Amino acid sequence: MADVEFVGARGDDIARNAPHSRFDCVVHPVDKESPNAAAALVCCDMCYCWVCDVPAKTCAEWTAHCVANRSIEWMTVRNKAQRMKNAREA
């Protein structure tokens, strides 16, 4: 069996070129169920912090938030962050 190597991509790819949560990144994929924190820290320019809803590169708590996923625990953290953000904007 011959090895296959992916060497590039052409054209628009919405999964690659649109803003997305870190756990949905196709440029730097991570295990969604139990991400490795060191690997999850690396993000592309389109990755967003799922908790703060800001670009990942501007998240003040990225070292903690980079491993966020859609689990109940992280949904609780996200909901709290969104409530605090809305209160500041009101």
N, C-alpha and C. Protein backbone atom coordinates (compact mmCIF):
# COMPACT_ATOMS: atom_id res chain seq x y z
N MET A 1 0.84 -1.18 0.00
CA MET A 1 0.00 0.00 0.00
C MET A 1 0.89 1.24 0.00
N ALA A 2 0.65 2.15 -0.89
CA ALA A 2 1.44 3.37 -0.99
C ALA A 2 0.93 4.41 0.00
N ASP A 3 1.86 5.17 0.54
CA ASP A 3 1.48 6.26 1.43
C ASP A 3 0.98 7.43 0.60
N VAL A 4 0.01 8.14 1.14
CA VAL A 4 -0.53 9.32 0.48
C VAL A 4 -0.18 10.53 1.34
N GLU A 5 0.31 11.57 0.70
CA GLU A 5 0.68 12.78 1.42
C GLU A 5 -0.12 13.96 0.88
N PHE A 6 -0.77 14.68 1.78
CA PHE A 6 -1.53 15.87 1.40
C PHE A 6 -0.54 17.03 1.33
N VAL A 7 -0.44 17.68 0.18
CA VAL A 7 0.57 18.72 0.01
C VAL A 7 -0.01 20.12 -0.16
N GLY A 8 -1.31 20.27 -0.23
CA GLY A 8 -1.88 21.60 -0.37
C GLY A 8 -3.36 21.56 -0.65
N ALA A 9 -3.93 22.75 -0.77
CA ALA A 9 -5.35 22.87 -1.05
C ALA A 9 -5.56 24.08 -1.94
N ARG A 10 -6.60 24.01 -2.75
CA ARG A 10 -6.94 25.13 -3.62
C ARG A 10 -8.40 25.51 -3.45
N GLY A 11 -8.69 26.76 -3.76
CA GLY A 11 -10.07 27.20 -3.70
C GLY A 11 -10.54 27.52 -2.30
N ASP A 12 -11.77 27.98 -2.23
CA ASP A 12 -12.36 28.30 -0.93
C ASP A 12 -12.83 27.04 -0.24
N ASP A 13 -12.58 26.96 1.03
CA ASP A 13 -13.03 25.86 1.87
C ASP A 13 -13.65 26.52 3.09
N ILE A 14 -14.97 26.46 3.19
CA ILE A 14 -15.65 27.17 4.27
C ILE A 14 -15.19 26.70 5.64
N ALA A 15 -14.86 25.43 5.78
CA ALA A 15 -14.40 24.93 7.07
C ALA A 15 -13.04 25.51 7.43
N ARG A 16 -12.28 25.88 6.45
CA ARG A 16 -10.93 26.41 6.66
C ARG A 16 -10.92 27.94 6.70
N ASN A 17 -11.77 28.58 5.90
CA ASN A 17 -11.69 30.02 5.70
C ASN A 17 -12.73 30.84 6.46
N ALA A 18 -13.66 30.21 7.12
CA ALA A 18 -14.66 30.93 7.90
C ALA A 18 -14.32 30.82 9.39
N PRO A 19 -14.72 31.80 10.19
CA PRO A 19 -14.49 31.69 11.63
C PRO A 19 -15.13 30.42 12.19
N HIS A 20 -14.42 29.77 13.11
CA HIS A 20 -14.89 28.50 13.68
C HIS A 20 -14.34 28.33 15.08
N SER A 21 -15.01 27.53 15.87
CA SER A 21 -14.52 27.20 17.22
C SER A 21 -13.23 26.41 17.10
N ARG A 22 -12.39 26.51 18.11
CA ARG A 22 -11.11 25.80 18.08
C ARG A 22 -11.31 24.31 17.84
N PHE A 23 -12.30 23.72 18.46
CA PHE A 23 -12.50 22.27 18.33
C PHE A 23 -13.01 21.87 16.95
N ASP A 24 -13.42 22.83 16.13
CA ASP A 24 -13.87 22.53 14.77
C ASP A 24 -12.81 22.86 13.71
N CYS A 25 -11.62 23.22 14.14
CA CYS A 25 -10.56 23.64 13.21
C CYS A 25 -10.07 22.45 12.36
N VAL A 26 -10.03 22.66 11.04
CA VAL A 26 -9.51 21.62 10.14
C VAL A 26 -8.04 21.86 9.82
N VAL A 27 -7.53 23.04 10.15
CA VAL A 27 -6.11 23.34 9.92
C VAL A 27 -5.26 22.68 10.99
N HIS A 28 -5.69 22.79 12.25
CA HIS A 28 -4.99 22.18 13.39
C HIS A 28 -5.99 21.34 14.19
N PRO A 29 -6.40 20.18 13.67
CA PRO A 29 -7.41 19.37 14.36
C PRO A 29 -6.95 18.85 15.72
N VAL A 30 -7.89 18.75 16.65
CA VAL A 30 -7.64 18.18 17.97
C VAL A 30 -8.72 17.16 18.29
N ASP A 31 -8.43 16.28 19.24
CA ASP A 31 -9.42 15.31 19.70
C ASP A 31 -10.50 16.06 20.45
N LYS A 32 -11.72 16.04 19.95
CA LYS A 32 -12.81 16.84 20.53
C LYS A 32 -13.23 16.34 21.92
N GLU A 33 -13.06 15.08 22.18
CA GLU A 33 -13.49 14.53 23.47
C GLU A 33 -12.48 14.79 24.58
N SER A 34 -11.20 14.65 24.29
CA SER A 34 -10.17 14.89 25.30
C SER A 34 -8.94 15.51 24.64
N PRO A 35 -9.03 16.81 24.33
CA PRO A 35 -7.93 17.47 23.63
C PRO A 35 -6.67 17.58 24.47
N ASN A 36 -5.54 17.46 23.82
CA ASN A 36 -4.25 17.67 24.44
C ASN A 36 -4.03 19.17 24.52
N ALA A 37 -3.80 19.71 25.72
CA ALA A 37 -3.72 21.16 25.90
C ALA A 37 -2.59 21.77 25.07
N ALA A 38 -1.45 21.12 25.01
CA ALA A 38 -0.33 21.67 24.24
C ALA A 38 -0.68 21.77 22.76
N ALA A 39 -1.35 20.76 22.23
CA ALA A 39 -1.75 20.78 20.82
C ALA A 39 -2.88 21.78 20.59
N ALA A 40 -3.78 21.90 21.55
CA ALA A 40 -4.93 22.78 21.39
C ALA A 40 -4.55 24.26 21.46
N LEU A 41 -3.43 24.58 22.08
CA LEU A 41 -2.98 25.97 22.13
C LEU A 41 -2.73 26.53 20.74
N VAL A 42 -2.29 25.67 19.83
CA VAL A 42 -2.00 26.09 18.46
C VAL A 42 -3.32 26.29 17.72
N CYS A 43 -3.47 27.44 17.09
CA CYS A 43 -4.72 27.72 16.39
C CYS A 43 -4.43 28.46 15.09
N CYS A 44 -5.37 28.39 14.18
CA CYS A 44 -5.23 29.12 12.93
C CYS A 44 -5.79 30.54 13.09
N ASP A 45 -5.66 31.35 12.08
CA ASP A 45 -6.14 32.73 12.15
C ASP A 45 -7.65 32.84 12.25
N MET A 46 -8.38 31.78 11.89
CA MET A 46 -9.84 31.82 11.91
C MET A 46 -10.45 31.18 13.16
N CYS A 47 -9.62 30.62 14.04
CA CYS A 47 -10.13 30.00 15.26
C CYS A 47 -10.68 31.05 16.22
N TYR A 48 -11.83 30.73 16.81
CA TYR A 48 -12.46 31.57 17.82
C TYR A 48 -12.47 30.83 19.15
N CYS A 49 -12.38 31.60 20.23
CA CYS A 49 -12.56 31.03 21.55
C CYS A 49 -14.05 30.75 21.72
N TRP A 50 -14.40 29.51 21.95
CA TRP A 50 -15.80 29.12 22.08
C TRP A 50 -16.41 29.70 23.36
N VAL A 51 -15.60 29.90 24.37
CA VAL A 51 -16.09 30.42 25.64
C VAL A 51 -16.35 31.93 25.56
N CYS A 52 -15.35 32.68 25.10
CA CYS A 52 -15.43 34.14 25.08
C CYS A 52 -16.07 34.71 23.82
N ASP A 53 -16.14 33.91 22.77
CA ASP A 53 -16.67 34.35 21.48
C ASP A 53 -15.86 35.52 20.92
N VAL A 54 -14.54 35.36 20.98
CA VAL A 54 -13.59 36.32 20.40
C VAL A 54 -12.55 35.51 19.63
N PRO A 55 -11.82 36.16 18.71
CA PRO A 55 -10.74 35.42 18.04
C PRO A 55 -9.81 34.79 19.08
N ALA A 56 -9.41 33.56 18.84
CA ALA A 56 -8.59 32.83 19.80
C ALA A 56 -7.32 33.59 20.17
N LYS A 57 -6.74 34.26 19.21
CA LYS A 57 -5.49 34.97 19.47
C LYS A 57 -5.67 36.19 20.36
N THR A 58 -6.92 36.60 20.62
CA THR A 58 -7.16 37.73 21.52
C THR A 58 -7.79 37.30 22.84
N CYS A 59 -8.04 36.02 23.02
CA CYS A 59 -8.65 35.52 24.27
C CYS A 59 -7.64 35.64 25.41
N ALA A 60 -8.04 36.34 26.46
CA ALA A 60 -7.17 36.54 27.62
C ALA A 60 -6.94 35.26 28.41
N GLU A 61 -7.81 34.27 28.23
CA GLU A 61 -7.69 33.01 28.98
C GLU A 61 -7.50 31.81 28.05
N TRP A 62 -6.83 32.03 26.93
CA TRP A 62 -6.69 30.99 25.92
C TRP A 62 -6.02 29.72 26.45
N THR A 63 -5.08 29.84 27.37
CA THR A 63 -4.41 28.64 27.88
C THR A 63 -5.40 27.69 28.56
N ALA A 64 -6.48 28.22 29.11
CA ALA A 64 -7.52 27.38 29.70
C ALA A 64 -8.63 27.08 28.70
N HIS A 65 -9.02 28.06 27.91
CA HIS A 65 -10.15 27.91 27.00
C HIS A 65 -9.84 27.11 25.74
N CYS A 66 -8.57 26.91 25.41
CA CYS A 66 -8.23 26.21 24.17
C CYS A 66 -8.75 24.78 24.14
N VAL A 67 -9.00 24.19 25.28
CA VAL A 67 -9.49 22.80 25.33
C VAL A 67 -11.01 22.71 25.47
N ALA A 68 -11.69 23.85 25.39
CA ALA A 68 -13.15 23.85 25.53
C ALA A 68 -13.80 23.02 24.43
N ASN A 69 -14.90 22.38 24.79
CA ASN A 69 -15.70 21.63 23.82
C ASN A 69 -17.17 21.82 24.18
N ARG A 70 -18.05 21.09 23.58
CA ARG A 70 -19.49 21.28 23.83
C ARG A 70 -20.01 20.49 25.03
N SER A 71 -19.13 20.10 25.92
CA SER A 71 -19.56 19.35 27.10
C SER A 71 -20.38 20.26 28.02
N ILE A 72 -21.12 19.64 28.93
CA ILE A 72 -21.96 20.40 29.87
C ILE A 72 -21.10 21.33 30.72
N GLU A 73 -19.92 20.85 31.14
CA GLU A 73 -19.05 21.69 31.96
C GLU A 73 -18.64 22.96 31.21
N TRP A 74 -18.24 22.80 29.96
CA TRP A 74 -17.81 23.97 29.18
C TRP A 74 -19.01 24.84 28.78
N MET A 75 -20.17 24.25 28.59
CA MET A 75 -21.35 25.06 28.29
C MET A 75 -21.69 25.98 29.47
N THR A 76 -21.49 25.47 30.67
CA THR A 76 -21.73 26.27 31.87
C THR A 76 -20.76 27.45 31.92
N VAL A 77 -19.48 27.19 31.63
CA VAL A 77 -18.47 28.25 31.61
C VAL A 77 -18.80 29.27 30.52
N ARG A 78 -19.19 28.78 29.34
CA ARG A 78 -19.53 29.67 28.23
C ARG A 78 -20.74 30.55 28.57
N ASN A 79 -21.79 29.94 29.12
CA ASN A 79 -22.99 30.70 29.48
C ASN A 79 -22.68 31.79 30.49
N LYS A 80 -21.84 31.48 31.47
CA LYS A 80 -21.44 32.48 32.46
C LYS A 80 -20.66 33.61 31.79
N ALA A 81 -19.73 33.27 30.91
CA ALA A 81 -18.94 34.30 30.21
C ALA A 81 -19.85 35.17 29.34
N GLN A 82 -20.83 34.57 28.69
CA GLN A 82 -21.75 35.34 27.85
C GLN A 82 -22.62 36.28 28.68
N ARG A 83 -23.08 35.80 29.85
CA ARG A 83 -23.88 36.65 30.74
C ARG A 83 -23.05 37.84 31.23
N MET A 84 -21.79 37.60 31.59
CA MET A 84 -20.91 38.67 32.05
C MET A 84 -20.64 39.67 30.93
N LYS A 85 -20.43 39.19 29.71
CA LYS A 85 -20.20 40.05 28.55
C LYS A 85 -21.43 40.92 28.28
N ASN A 86 -22.61 40.30 28.31
CA ASN A 86 -23.85 41.05 28.08
C ASN A 86 -24.09 42.10 29.15
N ALA A 87 -23.75 41.78 30.40
CA ALA A 87 -23.93 42.73 31.50
C ALA A 87 -23.00 43.93 31.32
N ARG A 88 -21.76 43.69 30.85
CA ARG A 88 -20.82 44.80 30.62
C ARG A 88 -21.28 45.69 29.49
N GLU A 89 -21.91 45.10 28.47
CA GLU A 89 -22.36 45.86 27.30
C GLU A 89 -23.66 46.61 27.54
N ALA A 90 -24.40 46.22 28.59
CA ALA A 90 -25.70 46.86 28.87
C ALA A 90 -25.55 48.21 29.50
